[in-house]
Amino acid sequence: MKREELKALGLTDEQIDKIMAENGKDIEKHKNDATKAADDLKAANDQLKAANDQISAFKEMKPEDLKKAADDWKAKYDQAVADHTAETQQRLFDSALEKGLTEAKAKNVKTIVPLLDLKGLTYNEADGSLIGLKEQLEKIKADEKNGFLFDAEDGDEPPPTIVTGSENSTSGKPMSKLEAAMFKGAGYQPPEE
């Protein structure tokens, strides 16, 4: 309906505005529904066209080509599964290695890893540990050259070194005349003995 027709029926401007607003809402809803339906129809047509193109491509292929394509996809799938499995196993191994080194009180994990025979370690799925790690770490700790790479175990802390000698001593022995002269040259005045 038009405004003029509603006025002719004797309605007020306020009543006409309310009727027109409600009518506008209905028209907008129908427009939106029509637009959505058109979009859905276009999407369905696009999917149908893509499917028909694929069917046409399959029709043109020979059976041996289809078998080869299927074998290629199976090989890609098998490779993807193998890669994923290997990545998962590597993550589990790396996590178990870091945990084992941390429990062994390694000061720096990256420093110790090159000292390990990683191929000699086996991941234990039952408890998430590495079989053979403990033995390798014991050998590294026992080696005088590498023992410093680990924090001391509880109770293994060496007793503190007590330095004896005069207050002027840097090595636990009384200062020699040369040491005293060197300190004097640097502006240090040792106390008189």
N, C-alpha and C. Protein backbone atom coordinates (compact mmCIF):
# COMPACT_ATOMS: atom_id res chain seq x y z
N MET A 1 0.83 -1.18 0.00
CA MET A 1 0.00 0.00 0.00
C MET A 1 0.87 1.25 0.00
N LYS A 2 0.31 2.30 -0.53
CA LYS A 2 1.00 3.58 -0.57
C LYS A 2 0.44 4.48 0.52
N ARG A 3 1.21 5.49 0.90
CA ARG A 3 0.79 6.45 1.92
C ARG A 3 -0.54 7.12 1.59
N GLU A 4 -0.69 7.48 0.31
CA GLU A 4 -1.92 8.18 -0.10
C GLU A 4 -3.15 7.30 0.12
N GLU A 5 -2.99 5.99 -0.13
CA GLU A 5 -4.13 5.09 0.04
C GLU A 5 -4.51 4.98 1.52
N LEU A 6 -3.46 4.95 2.39
CA LEU A 6 -3.73 4.87 3.83
C LEU A 6 -4.36 6.15 4.35
N LYS A 7 -3.94 7.30 3.81
CA LYS A 7 -4.53 8.59 4.21
C LYS A 7 -5.99 8.65 3.81
N ALA A 8 -6.28 8.08 2.63
CA ALA A 8 -7.66 8.09 2.14
C ALA A 8 -8.57 7.27 3.04
N LEU A 9 -7.99 6.29 3.77
CA LEU A 9 -8.78 5.48 4.69
C LEU A 9 -9.03 6.20 6.02
N GLY A 10 -8.40 7.39 6.18
CA GLY A 10 -8.64 8.20 7.36
C GLY A 10 -7.67 7.93 8.49
N LEU A 11 -6.52 7.35 8.20
CA LEU A 11 -5.53 7.08 9.24
C LEU A 11 -4.69 8.32 9.49
N THR A 12 -4.17 8.44 10.74
CA THR A 12 -3.32 9.58 11.08
C THR A 12 -1.91 9.32 10.56
N ASP A 13 -1.10 10.39 10.53
CA ASP A 13 0.30 10.25 10.07
C ASP A 13 1.08 9.27 10.97
N GLU A 14 0.79 9.31 12.26
CA GLU A 14 1.47 8.42 13.19
C GLU A 14 1.12 6.96 12.89
N GLN A 15 -0.12 6.67 12.64
CA GLN A 15 -0.56 5.31 12.32
C GLN A 15 0.04 4.87 10.98
N ILE A 16 0.08 5.76 10.03
CA ILE A 16 0.65 5.45 8.71
C ILE A 16 2.14 5.12 8.85
N ASP A 17 2.87 5.91 9.68
CA ASP A 17 4.30 5.66 9.89
C ASP A 17 4.54 4.27 10.48
N LYS A 18 3.69 3.88 11.44
CA LYS A 18 3.85 2.55 12.06
C LYS A 18 3.58 1.44 11.05
N ILE A 19 2.54 1.62 10.25
CA ILE A 19 2.20 0.61 9.23
C ILE A 19 3.32 0.51 8.20
N MET A 20 3.85 1.64 7.77
CA MET A 20 4.92 1.66 6.76
C MET A 20 6.20 1.01 7.32
N ALA A 21 6.50 1.27 8.62
CA ALA A 21 7.69 0.68 9.25
C ALA A 21 7.57 -0.84 9.29
N GLU A 22 6.39 -1.34 9.70
CA GLU A 22 6.18 -2.79 9.75
C GLU A 22 6.25 -3.39 8.35
N ASN A 23 5.67 -2.71 7.39
CA ASN A 23 5.70 -3.17 6.00
C ASN A 23 7.15 -3.20 5.49
N GLY A 24 7.93 -2.16 5.86
CA GLY A 24 9.34 -2.11 5.46
C GLY A 24 10.13 -3.28 6.03
N LYS A 25 9.84 -3.64 7.30
CA LYS A 25 10.52 -4.78 7.93
C LYS A 25 10.21 -6.07 7.17
N ASP A 26 8.94 -6.25 6.82
CA ASP A 26 8.55 -7.45 6.07
C ASP A 26 9.24 -7.50 4.72
N ILE A 27 9.26 -6.36 4.04
CA ILE A 27 9.90 -6.32 2.71
C ILE A 27 11.39 -6.63 2.83
N GLU A 28 12.05 -6.06 3.85
CA GLU A 28 13.49 -6.29 4.05
C GLU A 28 13.77 -7.76 4.36
N LYS A 29 12.91 -8.38 5.18
CA LYS A 29 13.08 -9.80 5.51
C LYS A 29 12.97 -10.65 4.25
N HIS A 30 11.98 -10.35 3.42
CA HIS A 30 11.81 -11.12 2.17
C HIS A 30 12.99 -10.90 1.22
N LYS A 31 13.51 -9.67 1.19
CA LYS A 31 14.68 -9.39 0.34
C LYS A 31 15.87 -10.22 0.82
N ASN A 32 16.10 -10.23 2.15
CA ASN A 32 17.21 -11.00 2.70
C ASN A 32 17.04 -12.49 2.42
N ASP A 33 15.81 -13.00 2.59
CA ASP A 33 15.55 -14.41 2.30
C ASP A 33 15.81 -14.72 0.83
N ALA A 34 15.38 -13.80 -0.05
CA ALA A 34 15.59 -14.01 -1.49
C ALA A 34 17.08 -13.97 -1.83
N THR A 35 17.82 -13.05 -1.21
CA THR A 35 19.27 -12.96 -1.46
C THR A 35 19.97 -14.22 -0.97
N LYS A 36 19.59 -14.70 0.22
CA LYS A 36 20.21 -15.92 0.75
C LYS A 36 19.89 -17.11 -0.15
N ALA A 37 18.66 -17.20 -0.60
CA ALA A 37 18.27 -18.30 -1.49
C ALA A 37 19.06 -18.24 -2.79
N ALA A 38 19.26 -17.03 -3.32
CA ALA A 38 20.03 -16.88 -4.55
C ALA A 38 21.49 -17.29 -4.32
N ASP A 39 22.06 -16.90 -3.17
CA ASP A 39 23.44 -17.28 -2.85
C ASP A 39 23.56 -18.79 -2.69
N ASP A 40 22.59 -19.40 -2.02
CA ASP A 40 22.60 -20.85 -1.84
C ASP A 40 22.49 -21.56 -3.19
N LEU A 41 21.65 -21.04 -4.05
CA LEU A 41 21.49 -21.64 -5.38
C LEU A 41 22.78 -21.53 -6.19
N LYS A 42 23.43 -20.37 -6.10
CA LYS A 42 24.70 -20.17 -6.81
C LYS A 42 25.76 -21.14 -6.28
N ALA A 43 25.85 -21.29 -4.95
CA ALA A 43 26.82 -22.20 -4.35
C ALA A 43 26.55 -23.63 -4.79
N ALA A 44 25.27 -24.01 -4.81
CA ALA A 44 24.91 -25.37 -5.24
C ALA A 44 25.27 -25.58 -6.71
N ASN A 45 25.02 -24.56 -7.53
CA ASN A 45 25.38 -24.66 -8.96
C ASN A 45 26.89 -24.77 -9.13
N ASP A 46 27.65 -24.01 -8.34
CA ASP A 46 29.12 -24.08 -8.42
C ASP A 46 29.61 -25.47 -8.03
N GLN A 47 29.03 -26.04 -6.95
CA GLN A 47 29.42 -27.39 -6.52
C GLN A 47 29.05 -28.42 -7.59
N LEU A 48 27.87 -28.25 -8.18
CA LEU A 48 27.44 -29.18 -9.23
C LEU A 48 28.37 -29.10 -10.43
N LYS A 49 28.76 -27.90 -10.80
CA LYS A 49 29.68 -27.72 -11.94
C LYS A 49 31.03 -28.37 -11.64
N ALA A 50 31.55 -28.16 -10.42
CA ALA A 50 32.83 -28.76 -10.03
C ALA A 50 32.73 -30.29 -10.06
N ALA A 51 31.63 -30.82 -9.56
CA ALA A 51 31.44 -32.28 -9.56
C ALA A 51 31.35 -32.81 -10.99
N ASN A 52 30.62 -32.10 -11.85
CA ASN A 52 30.51 -32.52 -13.26
C ASN A 52 31.87 -32.45 -13.96
N ASP A 53 32.65 -31.42 -13.66
CA ASP A 53 33.99 -31.34 -14.24
C ASP A 53 34.85 -32.51 -13.80
N GLN A 54 34.75 -32.86 -12.51
CA GLN A 54 35.53 -33.99 -11.99
C GLN A 54 35.07 -35.29 -12.64
N ILE A 55 33.77 -35.46 -12.79
CA ILE A 55 33.24 -36.68 -13.43
C ILE A 55 33.72 -36.75 -14.87
N SER A 56 33.69 -35.61 -15.57
CA SER A 56 34.18 -35.59 -16.95
C SER A 56 35.64 -35.98 -17.02
N ALA A 57 36.42 -35.47 -16.06
CA ALA A 57 37.85 -35.81 -16.04
C ALA A 57 38.03 -37.31 -15.79
N PHE A 58 37.22 -37.89 -14.90
CA PHE A 58 37.31 -39.33 -14.64
C PHE A 58 36.88 -40.14 -15.87
N LYS A 59 35.85 -39.65 -16.56
CA LYS A 59 35.38 -40.37 -17.76
C LYS A 59 36.47 -40.44 -18.82
N GLU A 60 37.27 -39.36 -18.91
CA GLU A 60 38.32 -39.32 -19.92
C GLU A 60 39.53 -40.17 -19.53
N MET A 61 39.66 -40.51 -18.25
CA MET A 61 40.80 -41.30 -17.81
C MET A 61 40.59 -42.77 -18.13
N LYS A 62 41.68 -43.41 -18.40
CA LYS A 62 41.65 -44.85 -18.64
C LYS A 62 41.72 -45.55 -17.28
N PRO A 63 41.27 -46.78 -17.21
CA PRO A 63 41.28 -47.49 -15.92
C PRO A 63 42.68 -47.53 -15.29
N GLU A 64 43.71 -47.71 -16.11
CA GLU A 64 45.05 -47.77 -15.53
C GLU A 64 45.47 -46.40 -14.96
N ASP A 65 44.97 -45.31 -15.58
CA ASP A 65 45.26 -43.98 -15.05
C ASP A 65 44.56 -43.77 -13.71
N LEU A 66 43.32 -44.27 -13.61
CA LEU A 66 42.59 -44.18 -12.35
C LEU A 66 43.31 -44.95 -11.24
N LYS A 67 43.77 -46.15 -11.59
CA LYS A 67 44.48 -46.97 -10.61
C LYS A 67 45.77 -46.28 -10.17
N LYS A 68 46.48 -45.69 -11.13
CA LYS A 68 47.73 -44.98 -10.81
C LYS A 68 47.44 -43.78 -9.91
N ALA A 69 46.37 -43.02 -10.22
CA ALA A 69 46.01 -41.86 -9.40
C ALA A 69 45.66 -42.31 -7.98
N ALA A 70 44.91 -43.41 -7.87
CA ALA A 70 44.54 -43.92 -6.55
C ALA A 70 45.78 -44.38 -5.79
N ASP A 71 46.71 -45.06 -6.48
CA ASP A 71 47.95 -45.50 -5.84
C ASP A 71 48.80 -44.32 -5.38
N ASP A 72 48.83 -43.25 -6.19
CA ASP A 72 49.58 -42.04 -5.82
C ASP A 72 49.02 -41.42 -4.54
N TRP A 73 47.68 -41.32 -4.49
CA TRP A 73 47.06 -40.75 -3.30
C TRP A 73 47.29 -41.63 -2.08
N LYS A 74 47.26 -42.95 -2.26
CA LYS A 74 47.51 -43.86 -1.14
C LYS A 74 48.95 -43.70 -0.65
N ALA A 75 49.89 -43.57 -1.58
CA ALA A 75 51.30 -43.39 -1.19
C ALA A 75 51.47 -42.07 -0.44
N LYS A 76 50.80 -41.01 -0.90
CA LYS A 76 50.88 -39.72 -0.20
C LYS A 76 50.30 -39.83 1.20
N TYR A 77 49.19 -40.53 1.32
CA TYR A 77 48.57 -40.73 2.63
C TYR A 77 49.49 -41.52 3.56
N ASP A 78 50.04 -42.62 3.05
CA ASP A 78 50.93 -43.45 3.86
C ASP A 78 52.15 -42.65 4.32
N GLN A 79 52.71 -41.81 3.42
CA GLN A 79 53.86 -40.99 3.77
C GLN A 79 53.49 -39.96 4.83
N ALA A 80 52.31 -39.35 4.70
CA ALA A 80 51.86 -38.37 5.70
C ALA A 80 51.70 -39.02 7.07
N VAL A 81 51.15 -40.23 7.11
CA VAL A 81 50.98 -40.95 8.37
C VAL A 81 52.35 -41.27 8.96
N ALA A 82 53.27 -41.74 8.14
CA ALA A 82 54.62 -42.08 8.62
C ALA A 82 55.34 -40.85 9.15
N ASP A 83 55.23 -39.72 8.43
CA ASP A 83 55.87 -38.47 8.88
C ASP A 83 55.29 -38.03 10.21
N HIS A 84 53.98 -38.10 10.33
CA HIS A 84 53.33 -37.68 11.58
C HIS A 84 53.78 -38.57 12.75
N THR A 85 53.84 -39.87 12.50
CA THR A 85 54.25 -40.81 13.54
C THR A 85 55.70 -40.53 13.96
N ALA A 86 56.57 -40.30 12.98
CA ALA A 86 57.98 -40.01 13.29
C ALA A 86 58.12 -38.72 14.08
N GLU A 87 57.36 -37.69 13.70
CA GLU A 87 57.41 -36.41 14.42
C GLU A 87 56.93 -36.58 15.86
N THR A 88 55.87 -37.35 16.04
CA THR A 88 55.34 -37.59 17.38
C THR A 88 56.35 -38.34 18.23
N GLN A 89 56.97 -39.38 17.66
CA GLN A 89 57.98 -40.15 18.39
C GLN A 89 59.17 -39.27 18.76
N GLN A 90 59.59 -38.39 17.84
CA GLN A 90 60.73 -37.51 18.11
C GLN A 90 60.39 -36.54 19.24
N ARG A 91 59.16 -36.00 19.23
CA ARG A 91 58.75 -35.09 20.31
C ARG A 91 58.75 -35.81 21.66
N LEU A 92 58.23 -37.04 21.69
CA LEU A 92 58.21 -37.81 22.93
C LEU A 92 59.64 -38.10 23.41
N PHE A 93 60.52 -38.46 22.47
CA PHE A 93 61.91 -38.76 22.80
C PHE A 93 62.59 -37.51 23.36
N ASP A 94 62.43 -36.36 22.67
CA ASP A 94 63.06 -35.11 23.11
C ASP A 94 62.56 -34.70 24.49
N SER A 95 61.26 -34.86 24.72
CA SER A 95 60.68 -34.51 26.01
C SER A 95 61.24 -35.41 27.12
N ALA A 96 61.33 -36.70 26.84
CA ALA A 96 61.87 -37.65 27.83
C ALA A 96 63.35 -37.36 28.10
N LEU A 97 64.10 -36.98 27.07
CA LEU A 97 65.51 -36.66 27.24
C LEU A 97 65.67 -35.42 28.12
N GLU A 98 64.91 -34.38 27.83
CA GLU A 98 65.00 -33.16 28.63
C GLU A 98 64.60 -33.43 30.08
N LYS A 99 63.55 -34.21 30.27
CA LYS A 99 63.10 -34.55 31.63
C LYS A 99 64.19 -35.34 32.37
N GLY A 100 64.78 -36.32 31.67
CA GLY A 100 65.83 -37.13 32.30
C GLY A 100 67.05 -36.30 32.68
N LEU A 101 67.45 -35.37 31.81
CA LEU A 101 68.60 -34.53 32.10
C LEU A 101 68.30 -33.56 33.24
N THR A 102 67.09 -33.06 33.28
CA THR A 102 66.70 -32.16 34.37
C THR A 102 66.70 -32.91 35.70
N GLU A 103 66.17 -34.12 35.70
CA GLU A 103 66.16 -34.94 36.92
C GLU A 103 67.58 -35.30 37.36
N ALA A 104 68.50 -35.40 36.40
CA ALA A 104 69.89 -35.71 36.72
C ALA A 104 70.66 -34.46 37.15
N LYS A 105 69.95 -33.33 37.24
CA LYS A 105 70.51 -32.05 37.67
C LYS A 105 71.57 -31.52 36.71
N ALA A 106 71.31 -31.67 35.42
CA ALA A 106 72.21 -31.10 34.42
C ALA A 106 72.12 -29.58 34.49
N LYS A 107 73.27 -28.92 34.46
CA LYS A 107 73.27 -27.46 34.52
C LYS A 107 72.80 -26.86 33.21
N ASN A 108 73.17 -27.50 32.09
CA ASN A 108 72.78 -26.99 30.78
C ASN A 108 72.54 -28.20 29.87
N VAL A 109 71.29 -28.43 29.52
CA VAL A 109 70.90 -29.59 28.73
C VAL A 109 71.63 -29.61 27.39
N LYS A 110 71.72 -28.46 26.74
CA LYS A 110 72.34 -28.39 25.41
C LYS A 110 73.82 -28.75 25.44
N THR A 111 74.46 -28.57 26.57
CA THR A 111 75.88 -28.90 26.68
C THR A 111 76.09 -30.40 26.82
N ILE A 112 75.14 -31.08 27.42
CA ILE A 112 75.30 -32.51 27.69
C ILE A 112 74.86 -33.38 26.53
N VAL A 113 73.89 -32.95 25.76
CA VAL A 113 73.35 -33.77 24.67
C VAL A 113 74.44 -34.27 23.71
N PRO A 114 75.41 -33.43 23.30
CA PRO A 114 76.44 -33.94 22.38
C PRO A 114 77.31 -35.05 22.98
N LEU A 115 77.32 -35.17 24.30
CA LEU A 115 78.12 -36.21 24.95
C LEU A 115 77.39 -37.55 25.00
N LEU A 116 76.12 -37.55 24.64
CA LEU A 116 75.31 -38.77 24.71
C LEU A 116 75.29 -39.52 23.38
N ASP A 117 75.16 -40.84 23.47
CA ASP A 117 74.93 -41.67 22.29
C ASP A 117 73.42 -41.82 22.16
N LEU A 118 72.80 -40.90 21.40
CA LEU A 118 71.33 -40.87 21.31
C LEU A 118 70.77 -42.12 20.66
N LYS A 119 71.54 -42.75 19.76
CA LYS A 119 71.07 -43.97 19.11
C LYS A 119 71.04 -45.14 20.08
N GLY A 120 71.78 -45.00 21.18
CA GLY A 120 71.80 -46.05 22.20
C GLY A 120 70.68 -45.91 23.21
N LEU A 121 69.81 -44.91 23.02
CA LEU A 121 68.70 -44.70 23.94
C LEU A 121 67.40 -45.17 23.29
N THR A 122 66.52 -45.75 24.09
CA THR A 122 65.24 -46.24 23.60
C THR A 122 64.13 -45.63 24.42
N TYR A 123 63.10 -45.11 23.73
CA TYR A 123 61.96 -44.52 24.43
C TYR A 123 61.08 -45.63 25.01
N ASN A 124 60.76 -45.51 26.28
CA ASN A 124 59.92 -46.48 26.97
C ASN A 124 58.52 -45.89 27.08
N GLU A 125 57.57 -46.42 26.29
CA GLU A 125 56.21 -45.88 26.27
C GLU A 125 55.49 -46.08 27.59
N ALA A 126 55.87 -47.09 28.34
CA ALA A 126 55.16 -47.41 29.59
C ALA A 126 55.28 -46.27 30.60
N ASP A 127 56.49 -45.73 30.77
CA ASP A 127 56.65 -44.67 31.78
C ASP A 127 57.19 -43.36 31.20
N GLY A 128 57.41 -43.31 29.88
CA GLY A 128 57.86 -42.07 29.25
C GLY A 128 59.31 -41.74 29.51
N SER A 129 60.11 -42.76 29.86
CA SER A 129 61.53 -42.53 30.14
C SER A 129 62.38 -43.04 28.97
N LEU A 130 63.68 -42.81 29.07
CA LEU A 130 64.62 -43.31 28.06
C LEU A 130 65.46 -44.41 28.68
N ILE A 131 65.40 -45.57 28.08
CA ILE A 131 66.18 -46.71 28.54
C ILE A 131 67.62 -46.48 28.11
N GLY A 132 68.55 -46.56 29.08
CA GLY A 132 69.96 -46.39 28.80
C GLY A 132 70.48 -45.01 29.15
N LEU A 133 69.61 -44.06 29.43
CA LEU A 133 70.05 -42.69 29.74
C LEU A 133 70.78 -42.64 31.07
N LYS A 134 70.24 -43.31 32.07
CA LYS A 134 70.84 -43.27 33.41
C LYS A 134 72.30 -43.76 33.37
N GLU A 135 72.53 -44.85 32.65
CA GLU A 135 73.88 -45.41 32.57
C GLU A 135 74.84 -44.44 31.88
N GLN A 136 74.39 -43.83 30.78
CA GLN A 136 75.25 -42.89 30.07
C GLN A 136 75.56 -41.67 30.94
N LEU A 137 74.57 -41.19 31.67
CA LEU A 137 74.79 -40.02 32.52
C LEU A 137 75.75 -40.34 33.67
N GLU A 138 75.67 -41.56 34.20
CA GLU A 138 76.59 -41.94 35.27
C GLU A 138 78.04 -41.92 34.77
N LYS A 139 78.27 -42.38 33.54
CA LYS A 139 79.62 -42.35 32.96
C LYS A 139 80.11 -40.92 32.78
N ILE A 140 79.21 -40.04 32.30
CA ILE A 140 79.60 -38.64 32.09
C ILE A 140 79.91 -37.97 33.43
N LYS A 141 79.08 -38.23 34.45
CA LYS A 141 79.32 -37.64 35.77
C LYS A 141 80.63 -38.14 36.38
N ALA A 142 80.96 -39.40 36.13
CA ALA A 142 82.17 -39.99 36.70
C ALA A 142 83.43 -39.44 36.04
N ASP A 143 83.32 -38.95 34.83
CA ASP A 143 84.47 -38.40 34.11
C ASP A 143 84.84 -37.05 34.72
N GLU A 144 86.10 -36.91 35.15
CA GLU A 144 86.54 -35.67 35.79
C GLU A 144 86.37 -34.45 34.89
N LYS A 145 86.50 -34.64 33.57
CA LYS A 145 86.39 -33.52 32.64
C LYS A 145 84.96 -33.00 32.51
N ASN A 146 83.97 -33.85 32.77
CA ASN A 146 82.58 -33.47 32.52
C ASN A 146 81.71 -33.43 33.76
N GLY A 147 82.23 -33.82 34.90
CA GLY A 147 81.42 -33.87 36.11
C GLY A 147 80.86 -32.51 36.51
N PHE A 148 81.55 -31.45 36.15
CA PHE A 148 81.10 -30.10 36.52
C PHE A 148 79.81 -29.70 35.79
N LEU A 149 79.39 -30.47 34.79
CA LEU A 149 78.19 -30.14 34.02
C LEU A 149 76.90 -30.40 34.80
N PHE A 150 77.04 -31.01 35.98
CA PHE A 150 75.87 -31.36 36.78
C PHE A 150 75.97 -30.67 38.13
N ASP A 151 74.81 -30.30 38.68
CA ASP A 151 74.77 -29.80 40.05
C ASP A 151 75.06 -30.97 40.96
N ALA A 152 75.64 -30.69 42.11
CA ALA A 152 75.96 -31.75 43.05
C ALA A 152 74.68 -32.37 43.58
N GLU A 153 74.70 -33.69 43.76
CA GLU A 153 73.55 -34.40 44.32
C GLU A 153 73.47 -34.04 45.80
N ASP A 154 72.30 -34.20 46.38
CA ASP A 154 72.15 -33.94 47.82
C ASP A 154 73.10 -34.83 48.58
N GLY A 155 73.88 -34.25 49.47
CA GLY A 155 74.86 -35.02 50.24
C GLY A 155 76.19 -35.15 49.54
N ASP A 156 76.27 -34.82 48.25
CA ASP A 156 77.53 -34.92 47.51
C ASP A 156 78.26 -33.59 47.47
N GLU A 157 77.72 -32.58 48.13
CA GLU A 157 78.31 -31.24 48.09
C GLU A 157 79.68 -31.31 48.75
N PRO A 158 80.72 -30.85 48.08
CA PRO A 158 82.03 -30.86 48.71
C PRO A 158 82.07 -29.84 49.84
N PRO A 159 82.84 -30.13 50.88
CA PRO A 159 82.91 -29.18 51.98
C PRO A 159 83.55 -27.88 51.50
N PRO A 160 83.18 -26.76 52.08
CA PRO A 160 83.77 -25.49 51.64
C PRO A 160 85.25 -25.45 51.95
N THR A 161 86.00 -24.79 51.09
CA THR A 161 87.44 -24.65 51.28
C THR A 161 87.69 -23.51 52.25
N ILE A 162 88.50 -23.78 53.25
CA ILE A 162 88.82 -22.75 54.23
C ILE A 162 90.21 -22.24 53.90
N VAL A 163 90.31 -20.94 53.68
CA VAL A 163 91.58 -20.32 53.34
C VAL A 163 92.19 -19.80 54.62
N THR A 164 93.45 -20.15 54.82
CA THR A 164 94.14 -19.68 56.01
C THR A 164 95.25 -18.74 55.60
N GLY A 165 95.76 -18.01 56.52
CA GLY A 165 96.85 -17.08 56.22
C GLY A 165 96.46 -15.70 56.68
N SER A 166 97.25 -14.74 56.29
CA SER A 166 96.99 -13.37 56.71
C SER A 166 95.86 -12.77 55.89
N GLU A 167 95.36 -11.64 56.33
CA GLU A 167 94.30 -10.97 55.62
C GLU A 167 94.77 -10.47 54.26
N ASN A 168 96.04 -10.35 54.09
CA ASN A 168 96.61 -9.83 52.86
C ASN A 168 96.81 -10.92 51.82
N SER A 169 96.40 -12.11 52.12
CA SER A 169 96.67 -13.25 51.25
C SER A 169 95.61 -13.41 50.18
N THR A 170 96.04 -13.78 48.97
CA THR A 170 95.11 -14.08 47.90
C THR A 170 95.07 -15.57 47.64
N SER A 171 96.05 -16.31 48.15
CA SER A 171 96.11 -17.74 47.87
C SER A 171 96.12 -18.57 49.14
N GLY A 172 95.86 -17.96 50.25
CA GLY A 172 95.89 -18.71 51.50
C GLY A 172 97.26 -18.69 52.15
N LYS A 173 98.22 -18.10 51.51
CA LYS A 173 99.58 -17.99 52.05
C LYS A 173 99.84 -16.51 52.29
N PRO A 174 100.76 -16.21 53.17
CA PRO A 174 101.08 -14.79 53.38
C PRO A 174 101.60 -14.17 52.08
N MET A 175 101.34 -12.88 51.92
CA MET A 175 101.76 -12.18 50.71
C MET A 175 103.27 -12.10 50.62
N SER A 176 103.74 -12.30 49.40
CA SER A 176 105.17 -12.11 49.18
C SER A 176 105.43 -10.62 49.01
N LYS A 177 106.70 -10.25 49.02
CA LYS A 177 107.05 -8.84 48.84
C LYS A 177 106.59 -8.35 47.47
N LEU A 178 106.68 -9.21 46.45
CA LEU A 178 106.26 -8.84 45.09
C LEU A 178 104.76 -8.56 45.06
N GLU A 179 103.96 -9.45 45.68
CA GLU A 179 102.51 -9.24 45.73
C GLU A 179 102.17 -7.95 46.45
N ALA A 180 102.85 -7.71 47.55
CA ALA A 180 102.60 -6.49 48.32
C ALA A 180 102.93 -5.26 47.49
N ALA A 181 104.03 -5.34 46.71
CA ALA A 181 104.42 -4.21 45.87
C ALA A 181 103.40 -3.99 44.76
N MET A 182 102.88 -5.09 44.21
CA MET A 182 101.87 -4.96 43.14
C MET A 182 100.59 -4.31 43.67
N PHE A 183 100.18 -4.73 44.86
CA PHE A 183 98.98 -4.14 45.44
C PHE A 183 99.21 -2.66 45.76
N LYS A 184 100.42 -2.34 46.24
CA LYS A 184 100.73 -0.94 46.55
C LYS A 184 100.66 -0.10 45.30
N GLY A 185 101.20 -0.63 44.17
CA GLY A 185 101.17 0.09 42.89
C GLY A 185 99.76 0.34 42.41
N ALA A 186 98.81 -0.50 42.81
CA ALA A 186 97.41 -0.35 42.40
C ALA A 186 96.66 0.55 43.38
N GLY A 187 97.36 1.08 44.37
CA GLY A 187 96.71 1.97 45.32
C GLY A 187 96.20 1.26 46.55
N TYR A 188 96.52 -0.02 46.71
CA TYR A 188 96.07 -0.78 47.86
C TYR A 188 97.16 -0.74 48.91
N GLN A 189 96.82 -0.44 50.11
CA GLN A 189 97.80 -0.39 51.19
C GLN A 189 97.47 -1.51 52.17
N PRO A 190 98.26 -2.61 52.13
CA PRO A 190 97.98 -3.70 53.08
C PRO A 190 98.28 -3.29 54.50
N PRO A 191 97.50 -3.83 55.43
CA PRO A 191 97.78 -3.49 56.85
C PRO A 191 99.13 -4.06 57.27
N GLU A 192 99.70 -3.43 58.22
CA GLU A 192 101.00 -3.89 58.75
C GLU A 192 100.82 -5.20 59.47
N GLU A 193 101.80 -6.08 59.28
CA GLU A 193 101.72 -7.39 59.96
C GLU A 193 102.43 -7.35 61.26
